[in-house]
Amino acid sequence: MSTRKEKLVMTYLCKVCSGKKTQLVSPNEIAEALCNKAVLSVAEIDEILASLSNDNYLDFVVSDSKNGYYYCVNLKRKGISYITDAKKSRKALGLLILRSMFLATVSFVFGIILKAIFKG
């Protein structure tokens, strides 16, 4: 998953489809739910869902009705675990940053100590 919009759509679909085998979702529902974070057109949502399907996160089928068309979305295993995987990766990134800051501080202090020893 590469773009911010794909991540937003996947997070929304994980929330909507949690605990259900198949969920009917309209492109307008997705656009309205994410309107505060990103502006999405129906064509963009079609492309994003196709991309997520190619990345093995979900399966979807377009279903026509008198009120427009809907997506029948079925999350795959990778899609179901998306939110927990995202949390794990954010936690790992945070720990990496903290470790880097700690090592930089230790190296700075060690450099000051060595400078004081060999200067005096």
Protein backbone atom coordinates (compact mmCIF):
# COMPACT_ATOMS: atom_id res chain seq x y z
CA MET A 1 0.00 0.00 0.00
CA SER A 2 1.63 3.17 -1.11
CA THR A 3 -0.60 6.22 -0.97
CA ARG A 4 -2.24 8.06 1.88
CA LYS A 5 -5.66 7.73 0.26
CA GLU A 6 -5.28 3.94 -0.01
CA LYS A 7 -4.43 3.77 3.68
CA LEU A 8 -7.45 5.92 4.59
CA VAL A 9 -9.82 3.81 2.49
CA MET A 10 -8.40 0.56 3.88
CA THR A 11 -8.74 1.81 7.47
CA TYR A 12 -12.35 2.83 6.80
CA LEU A 13 -13.16 -0.53 5.22
CA CYS A 14 -11.60 -2.39 8.15
CA LYS A 15 -13.84 -0.46 10.55
CA VAL A 16 -16.98 -0.98 8.48
CA CYS A 17 -16.37 -4.64 7.65
CA SER A 18 -15.15 -5.78 11.06
CA GLY A 19 -16.73 -9.07 12.05
CA LYS A 20 -18.73 -9.42 8.84
CA LYS A 21 -18.16 -11.76 5.94
CA THR A 22 -19.33 -9.36 3.22
CA GLN A 23 -20.35 -5.72 3.48
CA LEU A 24 -22.19 -3.48 1.02
CA VAL A 25 -20.52 -0.07 0.79
CA SER A 26 -21.30 2.71 -1.65
CA PRO A 27 -18.58 4.97 -3.05
CA ASN A 28 -20.51 7.95 -1.66
CA GLU A 29 -20.32 6.50 1.87
CA ILE A 30 -16.56 6.15 1.56
CA ALA A 31 -16.17 9.67 0.18
CA GLU A 32 -18.38 11.17 2.92
CA ALA A 33 -16.60 9.29 5.70
CA LEU A 34 -13.19 10.47 4.51
CA CYS A 35 -14.15 14.00 3.38
CA ASN A 36 -12.39 15.61 6.39
CA LYS A 37 -9.10 13.86 5.58
CA ALA A 38 -9.06 13.63 1.79
CA VAL A 39 -11.16 14.50 -1.23
CA LEU A 40 -12.01 11.35 -3.17
CA SER A 41 -13.90 11.01 -6.42
CA VAL A 42 -15.79 7.87 -7.41
CA ALA A 43 -13.17 7.13 -10.07
CA GLU A 44 -10.38 7.39 -7.47
CA ILE A 45 -12.26 5.05 -5.14
CA ASP A 46 -12.64 2.55 -8.00
CA GLU A 47 -8.89 2.70 -8.65
CA ILE A 48 -8.04 2.40 -4.96
CA LEU A 49 -10.26 -0.65 -4.49
CA ALA A 50 -8.77 -2.28 -7.58
CA SER A 51 -5.28 -1.59 -6.21
CA LEU A 52 -6.20 -3.01 -2.79
CA SER A 53 -7.64 -6.07 -4.49
CA ASN A 54 -4.41 -6.52 -6.48
CA ASP A 55 -2.40 -6.18 -3.25
CA ASN A 56 -4.48 -9.05 -1.77
CA TYR A 57 -6.20 -7.00 0.94
CA LEU A 58 -9.77 -7.52 -0.23
CA ASP A 59 -12.13 -8.86 -2.85
CA PHE A 60 -14.90 -6.69 -4.20
CA VAL A 61 -17.68 -6.88 -6.74
CA VAL A 62 -19.59 -3.91 -8.11
CA SER A 63 -23.34 -4.29 -7.66
CA ASP A 64 -25.89 -2.05 -9.37
CA SER A 65 -29.10 -0.94 -7.70
CA LYS A 66 -31.72 1.72 -8.29
CA ASN A 67 -29.90 4.04 -5.86
CA GLY A 68 -26.57 3.83 -7.66
CA TYR A 69 -23.97 1.19 -7.33
CA TYR A 70 -22.40 -0.49 -4.34
CA TYR A 71 -19.29 -2.50 -3.65
CA CYS A 72 -19.68 -5.93 -2.09
CA VAL A 73 -16.47 -5.94 -0.07
CA ASN A 74 -14.94 -9.04 1.46
CA LEU A 75 -11.74 -8.56 3.47
CA LYS A 76 -9.01 -11.13 3.03
CA ARG A 77 -6.69 -12.23 5.81
CA LYS A 78 -4.20 -9.48 5.01
CA GLY A 79 -7.02 -6.92 5.08
CA ILE A 80 -8.41 -8.14 8.39
CA SER A 81 -5.02 -7.76 10.08
CA TYR A 82 -4.26 -4.39 8.42
CA ILE A 83 -5.00 -2.20 11.47
CA THR A 84 -2.95 -4.32 13.87
CA ASP A 85 -0.08 -4.49 11.37
CA ALA A 86 -0.18 -0.70 10.96
CA LYS A 87 -0.04 -0.23 14.75
CA LYS A 88 2.92 -2.62 14.99
CA SER A 89 4.82 -0.79 12.27
CA ARG A 90 4.17 2.61 13.92
CA LYS A 91 5.37 1.22 17.25
CA ALA A 92 8.49 -0.23 15.62
CA LEU A 93 9.21 3.12 13.95
CA GLY A 94 8.82 4.93 17.28
CA LEU A 95 11.19 2.52 18.98
CA LEU A 96 13.71 2.94 16.16
CA ILE A 97 13.61 6.72 16.56
CA LEU A 98 14.00 6.48 20.35
CA ARG A 99 16.91 4.07 19.99
CA SER A 100 18.61 6.36 17.49
CA MET A 101 18.18 9.36 19.80
CA PHE A 102 19.58 7.35 22.74
CA LEU A 103 22.61 6.20 20.75
CA ALA A 104 23.26 9.73 19.49
CA THR A 105 23.15 11.06 23.07
CA VAL A 106 25.46 8.33 24.36
CA SER A 107 27.91 8.93 21.54
CA PHE A 108 27.86 12.69 22.21
CA VAL A 109 28.53 12.19 25.93
CA PHE A 110 31.25 9.64 25.18
CA GLY A 111 32.88 12.13 22.79
CA ILE A 112 32.86 14.86 25.45
CA ILE A 113 34.41 12.48 28.00
CA LEU A 114 37.15 11.42 25.55
CA LYS A 115 37.86 15.05 24.65
CA ALA A 116 38.17 15.94 28.37
CA ILE A 117 40.52 12.99 29.03
CA PHE A 118 42.89 13.61 26.14
CA LYS A 119 42.83 17.41 26.39
CA GLY A 120 43.90 17.55 30.02
